[in-house]
Amino acid sequence: MSQTKTGSAATTEAPAKEPRGARRKRETRQRLMKAALELMAARGMDGVAINEITEAADVGFGSFYNHFDSKEAIHAELMREVLNSFGETMDHISNNLEDPAEILSTAVRYAVQRSADNPVWGRFLIQTALSADILSGLGQYMLRDIQRGIASGRFKLKDPLMAFTSVGGTVIGALTAQMEFAPADSTAKKVAQQLGLNLENIPERTASTVLQILGLTNEQADEVAHRPLPPVELRDSLF
């Protein structure tokens, strides 16, 4: 007489495998996004044609429209993926910060450093800042943080638009400098060194300058700009 043995532990099912067609579609979309990012970072959205994106991605021209309606659509998706994801990450870590100056300083320091770590990311940010999308991407987060600082009285510069353009110009200049000076064999770095320019601690110095623009004293700005950074792990699926 046989006896059926019933196990008491629940059976763990393996996760469903992604269908081949879905995987190929996702990989194609990813290649298109990466190609568009690199091209638009170098030349801006208006300087790139759809056929250039598909050629760089090694994807058929017609396949582009299986994923995006237009060049503007893929650019908007890049804004969301590359820049908004950074802004959302900064929002997450600023939840534990109360000082508006420290919140803005933290975002500025991470952005400037990231431009050296990921030059494509930095160039895409610069191209966005120089386009009609200036108040999209990271611009929307910067403007919001400036307005909050003004409303709280922490920032003394009372004109949000002029504060935004002044701070934005400083940050974009610092991003460019950080990327130019980062490579060990950079010509710009050698020239700057010959001129006796200090190339150290650009993220902190940028944050301090930004805070001084907004009305903090030199001493106050330096103290905030050198506070320990909250730990953060920045990830982008396109890199």
Protein backbone atom coordinates (compact mmCIF):
# COMPACT_ATOMS: atom_id res chain seq x y z
CA MET A 1 0.00 0.00 0.00
CA SER A 2 1.51 3.27 -1.11
CA GLN A 3 1.32 6.46 0.84
CA THR A 4 1.22 9.93 -0.67
CA LYS A 5 3.62 12.31 1.03
CA THR A 6 2.55 15.93 1.10
CA GLY A 7 5.24 18.57 1.75
CA SER A 8 4.34 21.35 4.11
CA ALA A 9 6.66 23.94 2.52
CA ALA A 10 5.18 26.12 -0.22
CA THR A 11 6.56 25.56 -3.69
CA THR A 12 8.59 28.52 -4.94
CA GLU A 13 7.90 29.23 -8.56
CA ALA A 14 10.68 30.57 -10.75
CA PRO A 15 10.00 34.03 -12.18
CA ALA A 16 8.46 33.98 -15.63
CA LYS A 17 11.02 34.30 -18.41
CA GLU A 18 10.67 37.40 -20.58
CA PRO A 19 9.33 36.45 -24.02
CA ARG A 20 11.92 36.73 -26.77
CA GLY A 21 9.87 39.27 -28.73
CA ALA A 22 9.44 41.52 -25.72
CA ARG A 23 13.14 41.30 -24.91
CA ARG A 24 14.11 42.23 -28.46
CA LYS A 25 11.72 45.17 -28.45
CA ARG A 26 13.12 46.42 -25.14
CA GLU A 27 16.72 46.04 -26.36
CA THR A 28 15.93 47.89 -29.58
CA ARG A 29 14.34 50.75 -27.68
CA GLN A 30 17.37 50.87 -25.39
CA ARG A 31 19.77 51.08 -28.35
CA LEU A 32 17.75 53.90 -29.87
CA MET A 33 17.74 55.80 -26.57
CA LYS A 34 21.48 55.39 -26.06
CA ALA A 35 22.27 56.46 -29.62
CA ALA A 36 19.99 59.48 -29.37
CA LEU A 37 21.52 60.46 -26.04
CA GLU A 38 25.08 60.43 -27.40
CA LEU A 39 24.15 62.32 -30.58
CA MET A 40 21.94 64.91 -28.87
CA ALA A 41 24.52 65.42 -26.13
CA ALA A 42 27.02 66.37 -28.82
CA ARG A 43 24.79 68.42 -31.15
CA GLY A 44 21.47 69.10 -29.45
CA MET A 45 18.10 67.79 -30.53
CA ASP A 46 17.79 70.10 -33.55
CA GLY A 47 21.17 69.03 -34.86
CA VAL A 48 20.27 65.34 -35.06
CA ALA A 49 18.17 63.53 -37.65
CA ILE A 50 16.17 60.38 -37.01
CA ASN A 51 18.13 58.40 -39.61
CA GLU A 52 21.34 59.26 -37.75
CA ILE A 53 19.85 57.81 -34.58
CA THR A 54 18.78 54.59 -36.28
CA GLU A 55 22.15 54.20 -38.01
CA ALA A 56 24.05 54.72 -34.77
CA ALA A 57 21.75 52.23 -33.04
CA ASP A 58 22.04 49.75 -35.96
CA VAL A 59 18.26 49.69 -36.21
CA GLY A 60 16.08 49.90 -39.31
CA PHE A 61 14.68 53.38 -39.95
CA GLY A 62 11.09 52.17 -39.84
CA SER A 63 11.65 50.49 -36.48
CA PHE A 64 12.11 53.89 -34.88
CA TYR A 65 8.39 54.56 -35.19
CA ASN A 66 7.54 51.34 -33.40
CA HIS A 67 8.93 53.03 -30.29
CA PHE A 68 8.67 56.80 -30.73
CA ASP A 69 6.36 59.10 -32.67
CA SER A 70 9.03 61.69 -33.42
CA LYS A 71 12.47 63.03 -32.62
CA GLU A 72 10.84 65.27 -30.02
CA ALA A 73 9.28 62.22 -28.38
CA ILE A 74 12.59 60.41 -27.91
CA HIS A 75 14.15 63.62 -26.61
CA ALA A 76 11.36 63.97 -24.05
CA GLU A 77 11.91 60.36 -22.98
CA LEU A 78 15.62 61.04 -22.57
CA MET A 79 14.81 64.05 -20.41
CA ARG A 80 12.70 61.85 -18.19
CA GLU A 81 15.17 58.98 -18.05
CA VAL A 82 18.47 60.85 -17.78
CA LEU A 83 17.73 64.17 -16.10
CA ASN A 84 14.49 63.72 -14.22
CA SER A 85 15.77 60.50 -12.68
CA PHE A 86 18.68 62.51 -11.27
CA GLY A 87 16.33 65.20 -9.97
CA GLU A 88 14.10 62.60 -8.36
CA THR A 89 17.13 61.02 -6.69
CA MET A 90 18.16 64.42 -5.30
CA ASP A 91 14.61 64.88 -4.04
CA HIS A 92 14.82 61.56 -2.25
CA ILE A 93 18.02 62.37 -0.40
CA SER A 94 16.87 65.92 0.40
CA ASN A 95 13.94 64.50 2.36
CA ASN A 96 16.33 64.32 5.32
CA LEU A 97 17.64 67.87 4.81
CA GLU A 98 15.95 70.97 6.17
CA ASP A 99 18.24 73.82 5.09
CA PRO A 100 17.26 75.10 1.60
CA ALA A 101 20.88 76.11 1.05
CA GLU A 102 22.12 72.60 1.78
CA ILE A 103 19.48 71.07 -0.48
CA LEU A 104 20.57 73.21 -3.43
CA SER A 105 24.25 72.77 -2.58
CA THR A 106 23.91 68.99 -2.53
CA ALA A 107 22.26 68.88 -5.95
CA VAL A 108 24.86 71.24 -7.44
CA ARG A 109 27.81 69.27 -6.06
CA TYR A 110 26.47 65.95 -7.32
CA ALA A 111 25.62 67.39 -10.75
CA VAL A 112 29.05 68.96 -11.27
CA GLN A 113 30.86 65.83 -10.16
CA ARG A 114 28.65 63.67 -12.33
CA SER A 115 29.56 65.67 -15.41
CA ALA A 116 33.14 64.45 -14.97
CA ASP A 117 32.11 60.87 -14.20
CA ASN A 118 29.66 60.74 -17.14
CA PRO A 119 30.59 63.35 -19.79
CA VAL A 120 27.71 62.28 -22.05
CA TRP A 121 25.30 63.02 -19.20
CA GLY A 122 26.98 66.38 -18.62
CA ARG A 123 26.90 67.38 -22.28
CA PHE A 124 23.24 66.39 -22.56
CA LEU A 125 22.46 68.58 -19.54
CA ILE A 126 24.32 71.51 -21.11
CA GLN A 127 22.50 71.07 -24.45
CA THR A 128 19.19 71.03 -22.59
CA ALA A 129 20.07 74.16 -20.62
CA LEU A 130 20.92 75.99 -23.85
CA SER A 131 17.65 75.03 -25.53
CA ALA A 132 14.01 76.00 -25.20
CA ASP A 133 13.69 73.23 -22.62
CA ILE A 134 15.61 75.24 -20.01
CA LEU A 135 12.79 74.90 -17.47
CA SER A 136 12.49 71.17 -18.07
CA GLY A 137 14.78 68.44 -16.78
CA LEU A 138 16.96 69.61 -13.91
CA GLY A 139 15.93 73.21 -14.52
CA GLN A 140 12.52 72.63 -12.98
CA TYR A 141 14.07 71.23 -9.81
CA MET A 142 16.60 74.05 -9.53
CA LEU A 143 13.96 76.75 -9.96
CA ARG A 144 11.73 75.11 -7.38
CA ASP A 145 14.56 74.86 -4.82
CA ILE A 146 15.50 78.50 -5.41
CA GLN A 147 11.88 79.61 -4.94
CA ARG A 148 11.64 77.65 -1.70
CA GLY A 149 14.84 79.24 -0.43
CA ILE A 150 13.55 82.72 -1.27
CA ALA A 151 10.19 82.02 0.37
CA SER A 152 11.87 80.83 3.57
CA GLY A 153 14.14 83.86 3.73
CA ARG A 154 17.30 81.76 3.44
CA PHE A 155 18.13 83.28 0.05
CA LYS A 156 18.34 87.07 -0.16
CA LEU A 157 18.12 87.45 -3.93
CA LYS A 158 14.39 88.00 -4.38
CA ASP A 159 13.96 87.72 -8.16
CA PRO A 160 13.42 84.00 -8.94
CA LEU A 161 14.05 84.36 -12.67
CA MET A 162 17.31 86.29 -12.27
CA ALA A 163 18.36 83.95 -9.47
CA PHE A 164 17.66 80.97 -11.74
CA THR A 165 19.55 82.36 -14.72
CA SER A 166 22.51 83.45 -12.58
CA VAL A 167 22.74 80.13 -10.76
CA GLY A 168 22.12 78.17 -13.96
CA GLY A 169 24.88 79.98 -15.82
CA THR A 170 27.32 79.31 -12.98
CA VAL A 171 26.45 75.62 -12.85
CA ILE A 172 26.65 75.15 -16.62
CA GLY A 173 30.04 76.86 -16.67
CA ALA A 174 31.25 74.62 -13.86
CA LEU A 175 29.94 71.50 -15.59
CA THR A 176 31.87 72.44 -18.70
CA ALA A 177 35.03 73.16 -16.74
CA GLN A 178 34.78 69.93 -14.78
CA MET A 179 34.45 67.89 -17.97
CA GLU A 180 37.28 69.76 -19.71
CA PHE A 181 39.67 69.45 -16.79
CA ALA A 182 38.85 65.86 -15.81
CA PRO A 183 41.02 63.96 -18.35
CA ALA A 184 44.66 63.71 -17.27
CA ASP A 185 45.88 64.66 -20.77
CA SER A 186 43.36 67.50 -21.25
CA THR A 187 44.76 70.49 -23.14
CA ALA A 188 42.41 72.78 -21.22
CA LYS A 189 43.75 71.39 -17.95
CA LYS A 190 47.37 72.04 -18.99
CA VAL A 191 46.54 75.61 -20.03
CA ALA A 192 44.67 76.26 -16.76
CA GLN A 193 47.59 74.92 -14.77
CA GLN A 194 50.02 77.13 -16.70
CA LEU A 195 47.83 80.10 -15.79
CA GLY A 196 48.04 79.11 -12.13
CA LEU A 197 44.33 78.32 -11.80
CA ASN A 198 43.16 76.12 -8.95
CA LEU A 199 41.39 73.06 -10.39
CA GLU A 200 40.65 71.36 -7.08
CA ASN A 201 37.26 70.92 -5.42
CA ILE A 202 35.23 72.39 -8.29
CA PRO A 203 31.89 70.90 -7.07
CA GLU A 204 32.26 72.50 -3.62
CA ARG A 205 33.48 75.80 -5.04
CA THR A 206 30.58 75.86 -7.48
CA ALA A 207 28.08 75.28 -4.67
CA SER A 208 29.68 78.02 -2.58
CA THR A 209 29.55 80.47 -5.48
CA VAL A 210 25.90 79.64 -6.15
CA LEU A 211 24.98 80.26 -2.52
CA GLN A 212 26.84 83.57 -2.49
CA ILE A 213 24.88 84.63 -5.59
CA LEU A 214 21.72 83.89 -3.63
CA GLY A 215 22.80 86.07 -0.72
CA LEU A 216 24.76 83.96 1.74
CA THR A 217 28.03 85.38 3.03
CA ASN A 218 31.30 83.87 1.88
CA GLU A 219 31.75 82.12 5.22
CA GLN A 220 28.17 80.83 5.32
CA ALA A 221 28.35 79.54 1.74
CA ASP A 222 31.67 77.76 2.27
CA GLU A 223 30.40 76.07 5.42
CA VAL A 224 27.30 74.73 3.67
CA ALA A 225 29.22 73.71 0.53
CA HIS A 226 31.62 71.58 2.56
CA ARG A 227 29.08 69.71 4.66
CA PRO A 228 29.28 65.92 4.27
CA LEU A 229 27.26 64.75 1.29
CA PRO A 230 24.38 62.34 1.92
CA PRO A 231 25.20 58.93 0.42
CA VAL A 232 23.51 58.25 -2.88
CA GLU A 233 23.76 55.63 -5.60
CA LEU A 234 23.14 57.12 -9.00
CA ARG A 235 22.04 54.73 -11.70
CA ASP A 236 20.99 55.20 -15.28
CA SER A 237 19.87 52.35 -17.47
CA LEU A 238 21.48 54.01 -20.49
CA PHE A 239 25.02 54.00 -19.15
